[in-house]
Amino acid sequence: MSAETAGKTAPTPLWRAFLLHAAVAGAFGLLTIFWGQPSVHVMSVAGGLYLLGLAAAVYFTEQSLKFQGAIPAWLTRTVPVFLAIAGLLNLWVHADSMFAQTGALALILMGLVYVIVWFKNRGAHSAARDFLLIGIVTTLTGVLLPLFQALGAHALLGVAGGGAVITAVVLALAALSYRHDAREVAGPTAHTKPVN
């Protein structure tokens, strides 16, 4: 990470990516809380759309990190592709095993990559601790999914939704904080620009 990109504030594209991720995770988490007895079809469609939404959010996050030199270039498309494939498979095949196994694979991969981002940038990037926390939560969610496969759609959505709610809260707070910091940094510059 270069001296120009390291610092105490995250760039605007990163806070926007975090906010998108929080919105996707929050919507899915709320659905799992308020849908009392979801069928396997509800689980597959909601889970598939959730994984596709995560693919978009993670893509924008990783593009921001790539621009800053905070993530190896070869990793930037790996997680979004796996998430998108898992999402499409769940939209196509409605089965507890499909959601548990493809969701587990995609979420564990995402979590491990986020832990790598933290490890590579610890102490140098303002969002490093957020990546560590989200990486741990996402990895644990992925590990737990297959263990609840036999309990059906309600249990699987509960596990995935619990991880999503934690993620949504952490990333929403982080996004708002980084947005505020970015505005404070940009504020004085905006007032000192010469008027043509």
N, C-alpha and C. Protein backbone atom coordinates (compact mmCIF):
# COMPACT_ATOMS: atom_id res chain seq x y z
N MET A 1 0.85 -1.19 0.00
CA MET A 1 0.00 0.00 0.00
C MET A 1 0.88 1.24 0.00
N SER A 2 0.64 2.18 -0.91
CA SER A 2 1.49 3.35 -1.04
C SER A 2 1.19 4.36 0.05
N ALA A 3 2.12 5.32 0.20
CA ALA A 3 1.95 6.34 1.23
C ALA A 3 0.73 7.19 0.95
N GLU A 4 0.41 7.37 -0.35
CA GLU A 4 -0.73 8.20 -0.69
C GLU A 4 -2.05 7.55 -0.29
N THR A 5 -2.11 6.22 -0.38
CA THR A 5 -3.36 5.54 -0.12
C THR A 5 -3.48 5.06 1.30
N ALA A 6 -2.37 4.95 2.01
CA ALA A 6 -2.45 4.57 3.42
C ALA A 6 -2.90 5.77 4.23
N GLY A 7 -3.52 5.52 5.35
CA GLY A 7 -3.93 6.65 6.17
C GLY A 7 -5.09 6.30 7.05
N LYS A 8 -5.68 7.31 7.63
CA LYS A 8 -6.72 7.08 8.62
C LYS A 8 -8.12 7.14 8.05
N THR A 9 -8.27 7.49 6.80
CA THR A 9 -9.61 7.52 6.23
C THR A 9 -9.67 6.62 5.01
N ALA A 10 -10.79 5.92 4.87
CA ALA A 10 -11.00 5.07 3.71
C ALA A 10 -11.53 5.91 2.56
N PRO A 11 -11.23 5.54 1.33
CA PRO A 11 -11.70 6.33 0.19
C PRO A 11 -13.20 6.19 0.01
N THR A 12 -13.79 7.16 -0.66
CA THR A 12 -15.23 7.16 -0.87
C THR A 12 -15.75 5.89 -1.51
N PRO A 13 -15.10 5.34 -2.55
CA PRO A 13 -15.63 4.10 -3.13
C PRO A 13 -15.74 2.96 -2.13
N LEU A 14 -14.84 2.90 -1.16
CA LEU A 14 -14.90 1.82 -0.18
C LEU A 14 -16.10 1.98 0.74
N TRP A 15 -16.38 3.20 1.21
CA TRP A 15 -17.54 3.36 2.09
C TRP A 15 -18.83 3.09 1.34
N ARG A 16 -18.87 3.41 0.06
CA ARG A 16 -20.07 3.11 -0.72
C ARG A 16 -20.24 1.60 -0.90
N ALA A 17 -19.12 0.91 -1.13
CA ALA A 17 -19.18 -0.55 -1.24
C ALA A 17 -19.61 -1.18 0.08
N PHE A 18 -19.10 -0.65 1.19
CA PHE A 18 -19.52 -1.13 2.51
C PHE A 18 -21.01 -0.90 2.73
N LEU A 19 -21.51 0.26 2.31
CA LEU A 19 -22.92 0.57 2.50
C LEU A 19 -23.80 -0.36 1.66
N LEU A 20 -23.36 -0.65 0.43
CA LEU A 20 -24.10 -1.60 -0.41
C LEU A 20 -24.12 -2.98 0.24
N HIS A 21 -22.97 -3.41 0.74
CA HIS A 21 -22.87 -4.71 1.41
C HIS A 21 -23.79 -4.74 2.63
N ALA A 22 -23.80 -3.67 3.40
CA ALA A 22 -24.66 -3.60 4.58
C ALA A 22 -26.14 -3.66 4.19
N ALA A 23 -26.51 -2.99 3.10
CA ALA A 23 -27.91 -2.98 2.66
C ALA A 23 -28.34 -4.38 2.21
N VAL A 24 -27.48 -5.05 1.45
CA VAL A 24 -27.79 -6.41 0.98
C VAL A 24 -27.93 -7.37 2.16
N ALA A 25 -26.94 -7.32 3.06
CA ALA A 25 -26.95 -8.21 4.23
C ALA A 25 -28.12 -7.89 5.16
N GLY A 26 -28.41 -6.60 5.34
CA GLY A 26 -29.50 -6.19 6.21
C GLY A 26 -30.86 -6.65 5.68
N ALA A 27 -31.08 -6.50 4.38
CA ALA A 27 -32.35 -6.93 3.78
C ALA A 27 -32.54 -8.43 3.93
N PHE A 28 -31.47 -9.19 3.67
CA PHE A 28 -31.56 -10.64 3.82
C PHE A 28 -31.77 -11.03 5.28
N GLY A 29 -31.03 -10.39 6.17
CA GLY A 29 -31.17 -10.69 7.59
C GLY A 29 -32.57 -10.42 8.10
N LEU A 30 -33.16 -9.30 7.70
CA LEU A 30 -34.53 -8.98 8.13
C LEU A 30 -35.53 -9.99 7.59
N LEU A 31 -35.32 -10.43 6.34
CA LEU A 31 -36.21 -11.43 5.76
C LEU A 31 -36.18 -12.72 6.59
N THR A 32 -34.98 -13.14 6.98
CA THR A 32 -34.87 -14.39 7.74
C THR A 32 -35.49 -14.25 9.14
N ILE A 33 -35.50 -13.04 9.68
CA ILE A 33 -36.09 -12.83 11.01
C ILE A 33 -37.61 -12.85 10.95
N PHE A 34 -38.19 -12.19 9.94
CA PHE A 34 -39.63 -11.99 9.92
C PHE A 34 -40.40 -13.04 9.12
N TRP A 35 -39.71 -13.89 8.35
CA TRP A 35 -40.40 -14.95 7.63
C TRP A 35 -40.41 -16.17 8.53
N GLY A 36 -41.54 -16.45 9.14
CA GLY A 36 -41.62 -17.45 10.19
C GLY A 36 -41.32 -18.87 9.76
N GLN A 37 -41.97 -19.35 8.71
CA GLN A 37 -41.80 -20.73 8.26
C GLN A 37 -41.47 -20.76 6.77
N PRO A 38 -40.23 -20.43 6.42
CA PRO A 38 -39.86 -20.39 5.00
C PRO A 38 -39.78 -21.80 4.40
N SER A 39 -40.22 -21.93 3.18
CA SER A 39 -40.09 -23.21 2.46
C SER A 39 -38.71 -23.27 1.83
N VAL A 40 -38.38 -24.42 1.27
CA VAL A 40 -37.09 -24.57 0.60
C VAL A 40 -37.01 -23.63 -0.61
N HIS A 41 -38.16 -23.36 -1.22
CA HIS A 41 -38.17 -22.46 -2.38
C HIS A 41 -37.88 -21.01 -1.96
N VAL A 42 -38.47 -20.60 -0.86
CA VAL A 42 -38.17 -19.27 -0.32
C VAL A 42 -36.69 -19.16 0.02
N MET A 43 -36.16 -20.18 0.69
CA MET A 43 -34.76 -20.19 1.07
C MET A 43 -33.85 -20.09 -0.16
N SER A 44 -34.16 -20.86 -1.18
CA SER A 44 -33.30 -20.90 -2.37
C SER A 44 -33.33 -19.58 -3.13
N VAL A 45 -34.53 -19.01 -3.28
CA VAL A 45 -34.64 -17.74 -4.01
C VAL A 45 -34.01 -16.61 -3.20
N ALA A 46 -34.37 -16.51 -1.91
CA ALA A 46 -33.81 -15.45 -1.07
C ALA A 46 -32.30 -15.63 -0.93
N GLY A 47 -31.86 -16.87 -0.70
CA GLY A 47 -30.43 -17.13 -0.57
C GLY A 47 -29.67 -16.87 -1.86
N GLY A 48 -30.27 -17.25 -2.98
CA GLY A 48 -29.63 -17.00 -4.27
C GLY A 48 -29.47 -15.51 -4.55
N LEU A 49 -30.54 -14.75 -4.28
CA LEU A 49 -30.46 -13.29 -4.49
C LEU A 49 -29.47 -12.66 -3.52
N TYR A 50 -29.42 -13.16 -2.30
CA TYR A 50 -28.46 -12.66 -1.31
C TYR A 50 -27.02 -12.88 -1.79
N LEU A 51 -26.73 -14.07 -2.28
CA LEU A 51 -25.37 -14.36 -2.76
C LEU A 51 -25.03 -13.52 -3.99
N LEU A 52 -26.01 -13.28 -4.86
CA LEU A 52 -25.76 -12.41 -6.02
C LEU A 52 -25.52 -10.97 -5.57
N GLY A 53 -26.30 -10.52 -4.59
CA GLY A 53 -26.07 -9.17 -4.05
C GLY A 53 -24.71 -9.05 -3.40
N LEU A 54 -24.30 -10.08 -2.67
CA LEU A 54 -22.96 -10.10 -2.07
C LEU A 54 -21.89 -10.05 -3.15
N ALA A 55 -22.11 -10.76 -4.26
CA ALA A 55 -21.14 -10.76 -5.35
C ALA A 55 -20.89 -9.33 -5.85
N ALA A 56 -21.98 -8.56 -6.01
CA ALA A 56 -21.84 -7.17 -6.46
C ALA A 56 -21.12 -6.32 -5.42
N ALA A 57 -21.52 -6.46 -4.15
CA ALA A 57 -20.92 -5.66 -3.08
C ALA A 57 -19.44 -5.98 -2.92
N VAL A 58 -19.10 -7.27 -2.94
CA VAL A 58 -17.70 -7.66 -2.79
C VAL A 58 -16.88 -7.23 -4.00
N TYR A 59 -17.48 -7.27 -5.18
CA TYR A 59 -16.77 -6.81 -6.38
C TYR A 59 -16.35 -5.34 -6.23
N PHE A 60 -17.29 -4.49 -5.83
CA PHE A 60 -16.97 -3.07 -5.67
C PHE A 60 -15.97 -2.84 -4.53
N THR A 61 -16.10 -3.61 -3.46
CA THR A 61 -15.14 -3.51 -2.36
C THR A 61 -13.74 -3.88 -2.82
N GLU A 62 -13.63 -4.98 -3.53
CA GLU A 62 -12.31 -5.44 -3.96
C GLU A 62 -11.71 -4.56 -5.04
N GLN A 63 -12.55 -3.94 -5.87
CA GLN A 63 -12.02 -2.99 -6.85
C GLN A 63 -11.40 -1.77 -6.15
N SER A 64 -12.07 -1.30 -5.08
CA SER A 64 -11.53 -0.19 -4.30
C SER A 64 -10.21 -0.58 -3.66
N LEU A 65 -10.16 -1.80 -3.10
CA LEU A 65 -8.93 -2.27 -2.46
C LEU A 65 -7.81 -2.46 -3.48
N LYS A 66 -8.17 -2.96 -4.66
CA LYS A 66 -7.16 -3.14 -5.71
C LYS A 66 -6.57 -1.80 -6.12
N PHE A 67 -7.41 -0.78 -6.23
CA PHE A 67 -6.95 0.55 -6.60
C PHE A 67 -5.95 1.10 -5.57
N GLN A 68 -6.18 0.75 -4.32
CA GLN A 68 -5.29 1.21 -3.25
C GLN A 68 -4.07 0.32 -3.06
N GLY A 69 -4.01 -0.81 -3.78
CA GLY A 69 -2.92 -1.75 -3.60
C GLY A 69 -3.04 -2.54 -2.32
N ALA A 70 -4.28 -2.67 -1.80
CA ALA A 70 -4.50 -3.35 -0.52
C ALA A 70 -4.88 -4.81 -0.68
N ILE A 71 -4.98 -5.29 -1.91
CA ILE A 71 -5.34 -6.68 -2.15
C ILE A 71 -4.60 -7.16 -3.39
N PRO A 72 -4.09 -8.40 -3.40
CA PRO A 72 -3.44 -8.91 -4.61
C PRO A 72 -4.42 -8.92 -5.78
N ALA A 73 -3.95 -8.51 -6.95
CA ALA A 73 -4.83 -8.37 -8.11
C ALA A 73 -5.52 -9.68 -8.49
N TRP A 74 -4.83 -10.81 -8.32
CA TRP A 74 -5.41 -12.08 -8.73
C TRP A 74 -6.60 -12.50 -7.87
N LEU A 75 -6.75 -11.87 -6.71
CA LEU A 75 -7.87 -12.21 -5.83
C LEU A 75 -9.14 -11.42 -6.12
N THR A 76 -9.03 -10.35 -6.88
CA THR A 76 -10.13 -9.39 -6.95
C THR A 76 -11.38 -9.92 -7.63
N ARG A 77 -11.26 -10.96 -8.45
CA ARG A 77 -12.47 -11.48 -9.08
C ARG A 77 -12.86 -12.85 -8.56
N THR A 78 -12.02 -13.46 -7.76
CA THR A 78 -12.27 -14.82 -7.30
C THR A 78 -13.55 -14.92 -6.48
N VAL A 79 -13.66 -14.11 -5.43
CA VAL A 79 -14.81 -14.20 -4.53
C VAL A 79 -16.11 -13.80 -5.23
N PRO A 80 -16.18 -12.67 -5.96
CA PRO A 80 -17.44 -12.34 -6.63
C PRO A 80 -17.90 -13.43 -7.59
N VAL A 81 -16.97 -14.06 -8.29
CA VAL A 81 -17.35 -15.13 -9.23
C VAL A 81 -17.95 -16.31 -8.49
N PHE A 82 -17.31 -16.74 -7.40
CA PHE A 82 -17.83 -17.86 -6.62
C PHE A 82 -19.19 -17.53 -6.02
N LEU A 83 -19.34 -16.31 -5.50
CA LEU A 83 -20.63 -15.90 -4.93
C LEU A 83 -21.72 -15.88 -6.01
N ALA A 84 -21.39 -15.37 -7.19
CA ALA A 84 -22.38 -15.30 -8.27
C ALA A 84 -22.78 -16.70 -8.73
N ILE A 85 -21.81 -17.60 -8.86
CA ILE A 85 -22.12 -18.98 -9.27
C ILE A 85 -23.01 -19.65 -8.23
N ALA A 86 -22.66 -19.48 -6.94
CA ALA A 86 -23.47 -20.06 -5.87
C ALA A 86 -24.88 -19.48 -5.88
N GLY A 87 -25.00 -18.18 -6.12
CA GLY A 87 -26.32 -17.55 -6.17
C GLY A 87 -27.16 -18.10 -7.31
N LEU A 88 -26.57 -18.22 -8.50
CA LEU A 88 -27.31 -18.73 -9.66
C LEU A 88 -27.71 -20.19 -9.47
N LEU A 89 -26.82 -20.99 -8.89
CA LEU A 89 -27.15 -22.39 -8.64
C LEU A 89 -28.33 -22.52 -7.69
N ASN A 90 -28.40 -21.65 -6.69
CA ASN A 90 -29.52 -21.71 -5.74
C ASN A 90 -30.82 -21.23 -6.37
N LEU A 91 -30.73 -20.29 -7.29
CA LEU A 91 -31.94 -19.87 -8.00
C LEU A 91 -32.45 -20.98 -8.92
N TRP A 92 -31.53 -21.80 -9.39
CA TRP A 92 -31.87 -22.87 -10.34
C TRP A 92 -32.33 -24.15 -9.62
N VAL A 93 -31.57 -24.56 -8.61
CA VAL A 93 -31.84 -25.81 -7.89
C VAL A 93 -32.30 -25.48 -6.47
N HIS A 94 -33.53 -25.85 -6.15
CA HIS A 94 -34.09 -25.55 -4.83
C HIS A 94 -33.95 -26.78 -3.93
N ALA A 95 -32.88 -26.78 -3.13
CA ALA A 95 -32.64 -27.90 -2.23
C ALA A 95 -31.82 -27.42 -1.04
N ASP A 96 -32.10 -28.01 0.13
CA ASP A 96 -31.35 -27.65 1.32
C ASP A 96 -29.85 -27.88 1.12
N SER A 97 -29.52 -29.01 0.51
CA SER A 97 -28.10 -29.35 0.31
C SER A 97 -27.41 -28.35 -0.60
N MET A 98 -28.10 -27.87 -1.62
CA MET A 98 -27.50 -26.89 -2.53
C MET A 98 -27.16 -25.60 -1.79
N PHE A 99 -28.12 -25.09 -1.00
CA PHE A 99 -27.86 -23.85 -0.28
C PHE A 99 -26.76 -24.03 0.75
N ALA A 100 -26.82 -25.13 1.50
CA ALA A 100 -25.84 -25.36 2.55
C ALA A 100 -24.42 -25.49 1.99
N GLN A 101 -24.27 -26.23 0.91
CA GLN A 101 -22.93 -26.53 0.41
C GLN A 101 -22.34 -25.42 -0.45
N THR A 102 -23.15 -24.89 -1.39
CA THR A 102 -22.61 -23.80 -2.22
C THR A 102 -22.44 -22.53 -1.39
N GLY A 103 -23.40 -22.29 -0.48
CA GLY A 103 -23.28 -21.12 0.40
C GLY A 103 -22.07 -21.22 1.28
N ALA A 104 -21.84 -22.42 1.82
CA ALA A 104 -20.67 -22.63 2.68
C ALA A 104 -19.38 -22.35 1.93
N LEU A 105 -19.24 -22.91 0.73
CA LEU A 105 -18.02 -22.73 -0.05
C LEU A 105 -17.76 -21.26 -0.36
N ALA A 106 -18.81 -20.57 -0.84
CA ALA A 106 -18.64 -19.17 -1.22
C ALA A 106 -18.36 -18.28 -0.01
N LEU A 107 -19.06 -18.51 1.10
CA LEU A 107 -18.87 -17.67 2.28
C LEU A 107 -17.53 -17.92 2.95
N ILE A 108 -17.10 -19.18 3.00
CA ILE A 108 -15.78 -19.46 3.58
C ILE A 108 -14.68 -18.81 2.75
N LEU A 109 -14.80 -18.90 1.43
CA LEU A 109 -13.80 -18.26 0.56
C LEU A 109 -13.79 -16.75 0.77
N MET A 110 -14.96 -16.15 0.83
CA MET A 110 -15.05 -14.71 1.06
C MET A 110 -14.43 -14.33 2.41
N GLY A 111 -14.78 -15.09 3.44
CA GLY A 111 -14.23 -14.80 4.76
C GLY A 111 -12.72 -14.91 4.81
N LEU A 112 -12.17 -15.93 4.18
CA LEU A 112 -10.72 -16.12 4.19
C LEU A 112 -10.01 -15.01 3.43
N VAL A 113 -10.59 -14.58 2.32
CA VAL A 113 -9.99 -13.47 1.57
C VAL A 113 -10.01 -12.20 2.39
N TYR A 114 -11.09 -11.95 3.12
CA TYR A 114 -11.15 -10.76 3.96
C TYR A 114 -10.13 -10.83 5.09
N VAL A 115 -9.90 -12.02 5.63
CA VAL A 115 -8.86 -12.17 6.64
C VAL A 115 -7.48 -11.91 6.03
N ILE A 116 -7.27 -12.35 4.79
CA ILE A 116 -6.01 -12.06 4.09
C ILE A 116 -5.83 -10.55 3.92
N VAL A 117 -6.93 -9.86 3.56
CA VAL A 117 -6.88 -8.40 3.41
C VAL A 117 -6.47 -7.76 4.74
N TRP A 118 -7.08 -8.22 5.83
CA TRP A 118 -6.70 -7.70 7.14
C TRP A 118 -5.22 -7.95 7.43
N PHE A 119 -4.77 -9.19 7.20
CA PHE A 119 -3.40 -9.55 7.52
C PHE A 119 -2.40 -8.72 6.71
N LYS A 120 -2.72 -8.49 5.45
CA LYS A 120 -1.82 -7.73 4.57
C LYS A 120 -1.78 -6.25 4.94
N ASN A 121 -2.86 -5.74 5.52
CA ASN A 121 -2.97 -4.29 5.74
C ASN A 121 -3.13 -3.89 7.20
N ARG A 122 -2.93 -4.84 8.13
CA ARG A 122 -3.12 -4.53 9.55
C ARG A 122 -2.19 -3.39 9.95
N GLY A 123 -2.74 -2.40 10.62
CA GLY A 123 -1.97 -1.25 11.07
C GLY A 123 -1.73 -0.21 10.01
N ALA A 124 -2.09 -0.51 8.75
CA ALA A 124 -1.82 0.44 7.67
C ALA A 124 -3.09 0.98 7.01
N HIS A 125 -4.20 0.26 7.15
CA HIS A 125 -5.44 0.65 6.48
C HIS A 125 -6.53 0.85 7.53
N SER A 126 -7.28 1.91 7.38
CA SER A 126 -8.30 2.24 8.37
C SER A 126 -9.37 1.17 8.51
N ALA A 127 -9.63 0.43 7.44
CA ALA A 127 -10.70 -0.56 7.47
C ALA A 127 -10.21 -1.97 7.78
N ALA A 128 -8.94 -2.12 8.13
CA ALA A 128 -8.38 -3.46 8.33
C ALA A 128 -9.15 -4.26 9.38
N ARG A 129 -9.47 -3.62 10.51
CA ARG A 129 -10.18 -4.35 11.57
C ARG A 129 -11.59 -4.74 11.15
N ASP A 130 -12.22 -3.93 10.31
CA ASP A 130 -13.54 -4.28 9.79
C ASP A 130 -13.45 -5.53 8.92
N PHE A 131 -12.40 -5.62 8.12
CA PHE A 131 -12.23 -6.80 7.28
C PHE A 131 -11.98 -8.04 8.13
N LEU A 132 -11.25 -7.89 9.22
CA LEU A 132 -11.00 -9.03 10.11
C LEU A 132 -12.31 -9.52 10.72
N LEU A 133 -13.12 -8.60 11.24
CA LEU A 133 -14.36 -8.99 11.89
C LEU A 133 -15.32 -9.63 10.89
N ILE A 134 -15.49 -9.00 9.73
CA ILE A 134 -16.39 -9.55 8.72
C ILE A 134 -15.86 -10.88 8.21
N GLY A 135 -14.55 -10.98 8.06
CA GLY A 135 -13.95 -12.24 7.61
C GLY A 135 -14.24 -13.37 8.57
N ILE A 136 -14.11 -13.11 9.87
CA ILE A 136 -14.37 -14.15 10.88
C ILE A 136 -15.85 -14.54 10.88
N VAL A 137 -16.74 -13.54 10.89
CA VAL A 137 -18.18 -13.82 10.92
C VAL A 137 -18.60 -14.61 9.68
N THR A 138 -18.11 -14.19 8.52
CA THR A 138 -18.49 -14.85 7.26
C THR A 138 -17.96 -16.27 7.20
N THR A 139 -16.71 -16.46 7.63
CA THR A 139 -16.14 -17.81 7.63
C THR A 139 -16.91 -18.73 8.57
N LEU A 140 -17.22 -18.25 9.77
CA LEU A 140 -17.98 -19.07 10.72
C LEU A 140 -19.37 -19.40 10.19
N THR A 141 -20.00 -18.44 9.53
CA THR A 141 -21.31 -18.70 8.93
C THR A 141 -21.21 -19.81 7.89
N GLY A 142 -20.19 -19.73 7.04
CA GLY A 142 -20.00 -20.76 6.03
C GLY A 142 -19.71 -22.13 6.64
N VAL A 143 -18.93 -22.16 7.70
CA VAL A 143 -18.60 -23.43 8.36
C VAL A 143 -19.85 -24.05 8.99
N LEU A 144 -20.73 -23.21 9.56
CA LEU A 144 -21.91 -23.71 10.25
C LEU A 144 -23.01 -24.21 9.31
N LEU A 145 -23.10 -23.65 8.12
CA LEU A 145 -24.21 -23.98 7.23
C LEU A 145 -24.38 -25.49 7.00
N PRO A 146 -23.34 -26.23 6.61
CA PRO A 146 -23.54 -27.67 6.38
C PRO A 146 -23.97 -28.42 7.63
N LEU A 147 -23.59 -27.93 8.81
CA LEU A 147 -23.95 -28.60 10.05
C LEU A 147 -25.46 -28.52 10.32
N PHE A 148 -26.13 -27.53 9.74
CA PHE A 148 -27.56 -27.35 9.95
C PHE A 148 -28.38 -27.81 8.75
N GLN A 149 -27.74 -28.45 7.78
CA GLN A 149 -28.44 -28.86 6.56
C GLN A 149 -29.62 -29.78 6.86
N ALA A 150 -29.44 -30.73 7.76
CA ALA A 150 -30.50 -31.70 8.05
C ALA A 150 -31.71 -31.07 8.73
N LEU A 151 -31.55 -29.88 9.28
CA LEU A 151 -32.66 -29.24 10.00
C LEU A 151 -33.58 -28.43 9.08
N GLY A 152 -33.20 -28.30 7.83
CA GLY A 152 -34.08 -27.68 6.85
C GLY A 152 -33.90 -26.18 6.65
N ALA A 153 -34.83 -25.64 5.86
CA ALA A 153 -34.72 -24.26 5.39
C ALA A 153 -34.72 -23.24 6.52
N HIS A 154 -35.59 -23.45 7.52
CA HIS A 154 -35.69 -22.47 8.60
C HIS A 154 -34.36 -22.33 9.35
N ALA A 155 -33.73 -23.45 9.66
CA ALA A 155 -32.45 -23.42 10.38
C ALA A 155 -31.34 -22.83 9.50
N LEU A 156 -31.32 -23.20 8.24
CA LEU A 156 -30.28 -22.70 7.34
C LEU A 156 -30.39 -21.18 7.17
N LEU A 157 -31.63 -20.70 7.00
CA LEU A 157 -31.82 -19.25 6.88
C LEU A 157 -31.49 -18.55 8.19
N GLY A 158 -31.75 -19.21 9.31
CA GLY A 158 -31.40 -18.61 10.60
C GLY A 158 -29.90 -18.42 10.75
N VAL A 159 -29.14 -19.43 10.35
CA VAL A 159 -27.67 -19.33 10.44
C VAL A 159 -27.15 -18.25 9.49
N ALA A 160 -27.58 -18.33 8.22
CA ALA A 160 -27.12 -17.34 7.24
C ALA A 160 -27.58 -15.94 7.60
N GLY A 161 -28.83 -15.83 8.08
CA GLY A 161 -29.37 -14.52 8.44
C GLY A 161 -28.69 -13.92 9.65
N GLY A 162 -28.32 -14.77 10.62
CA GLY A 162 -27.60 -14.26 11.79
C GLY A 162 -26.27 -13.63 11.40
N GLY A 163 -25.52 -14.32 10.54
CA GLY A 163 -24.26 -13.75 10.06
C GLY A 163 -24.48 -12.48 9.26
N ALA A 164 -25.58 -12.47 8.49
CA ALA A 164 -25.88 -11.29 7.67
C ALA A 164 -26.20 -10.07 8.52
N VAL A 165 -26.96 -10.27 9.61
CA VAL A 165 -27.33 -9.15 10.49
C VAL A 165 -26.08 -8.55 11.14
N ILE A 166 -25.20 -9.41 11.65
CA ILE A 166 -23.96 -8.90 12.26
C ILE A 166 -23.14 -8.12 11.24
N THR A 167 -23.02 -8.68 10.04
CA THR A 167 -22.29 -8.02 8.97
C THR A 167 -22.90 -6.67 8.63
N ALA A 168 -24.23 -6.62 8.53
CA ALA A 168 -24.92 -5.39 8.16
C ALA A 168 -24.66 -4.29 9.18
N VAL A 169 -24.72 -4.63 10.46
CA VAL A 169 -24.51 -3.63 11.51
C VAL A 169 -23.08 -3.09 11.47
N VAL A 170 -22.11 -4.01 11.41
CA VAL A 170 -20.69 -3.61 11.40
C VAL A 170 -20.38 -2.73 10.20
N LEU A 171 -20.81 -3.16 9.01
CA LEU A 171 -20.45 -2.43 7.80
C LEU A 171 -21.23 -1.13 7.66
N ALA A 172 -22.46 -1.08 8.15
CA ALA A 172 -23.21 0.19 8.10
C ALA A 172 -22.53 1.24 8.98
N LEU A 173 -22.14 0.84 10.18
CA LEU A 173 -21.43 1.78 11.07
C LEU A 173 -20.10 2.21 10.47
N ALA A 174 -19.37 1.24 9.89
CA ALA A 174 -18.08 1.56 9.27
C ALA A 174 -18.27 2.51 8.09
N ALA A 175 -19.25 2.22 7.25
CA ALA A 175 -19.49 3.05 6.07
C ALA A 175 -19.83 4.48 6.45
N LEU A 176 -20.71 4.65 7.44
CA LEU A 176 -21.09 6.00 7.86
C LEU A 176 -19.91 6.73 8.48
N SER A 177 -19.08 6.01 9.23
CA SER A 177 -17.90 6.61 9.84
C SER A 177 -16.90 7.07 8.77
N TYR A 178 -16.64 6.21 7.78
CA TYR A 178 -15.68 6.56 6.73
C TYR A 178 -16.23 7.66 5.83
N ARG A 179 -17.54 7.67 5.64
CA ARG A 179 -18.16 8.75 4.85
C ARG A 179 -17.98 10.08 5.57
N HIS A 180 -18.20 10.09 6.86
CA HIS A 180 -18.02 11.31 7.66
C HIS A 180 -16.57 11.77 7.60
N ASP A 181 -15.63 10.84 7.77
CA ASP A 181 -14.20 11.18 7.73
C ASP A 181 -13.81 11.73 6.36
N ALA A 182 -14.35 11.11 5.29
CA ALA A 182 -14.02 11.56 3.93
C ALA A 182 -14.53 12.97 3.70
N ARG A 183 -15.71 13.29 4.24
CA ARG A 183 -16.26 14.64 4.07
C ARG A 183 -15.45 15.66 4.84
N GLU A 184 -14.99 15.27 6.04
CA GLU A 184 -14.18 16.20 6.84
C GLU A 184 -12.85 16.51 6.16
N VAL A 185 -12.26 15.47 5.53
CA VAL A 185 -10.99 15.67 4.82
C VAL A 185 -11.21 16.54 3.59
N ALA A 186 -12.32 16.30 2.89
CA ALA A 186 -12.60 17.06 1.65
C ALA A 186 -13.08 18.46 1.94
N GLY A 187 -13.67 18.69 3.12
CA GLY A 187 -14.26 19.98 3.44
C GLY A 187 -13.33 21.16 3.34
N PRO A 188 -12.18 21.14 4.06
CA PRO A 188 -11.29 22.29 3.99
C PRO A 188 -10.76 22.56 2.60
N THR A 189 -10.53 21.50 1.81
CA THR A 189 -10.03 21.66 0.45
C THR A 189 -11.05 22.39 -0.40
N ALA A 190 -12.33 22.01 -0.18
CA ALA A 190 -13.39 22.62 -0.98
C ALA A 190 -13.47 24.11 -0.74
N HIS A 191 -13.20 24.57 0.50
CA HIS A 191 -13.30 26.00 0.82
C HIS A 191 -12.09 26.79 0.36
N THR A 192 -10.97 26.13 0.08
CA THR A 192 -9.78 26.86 -0.30
C THR A 192 -9.58 26.93 -1.81
N LYS A 193 -10.52 26.31 -2.57
CA LYS A 193 -10.37 26.36 -4.02
C LYS A 193 -10.58 27.78 -4.52
N PRO A 194 -9.76 28.26 -5.47
CA PRO A 194 -9.97 29.61 -6.01
C PRO A 194 -11.25 29.68 -6.83
N VAL A 195 -11.90 30.80 -6.79
CA VAL A 195 -13.14 31.00 -7.57
C VAL A 195 -12.76 31.60 -8.90
N ASN A 196 -13.20 30.94 -9.99
CA ASN A 196 -12.87 31.45 -11.35
C ASN A 196 -13.86 32.51 -11.74
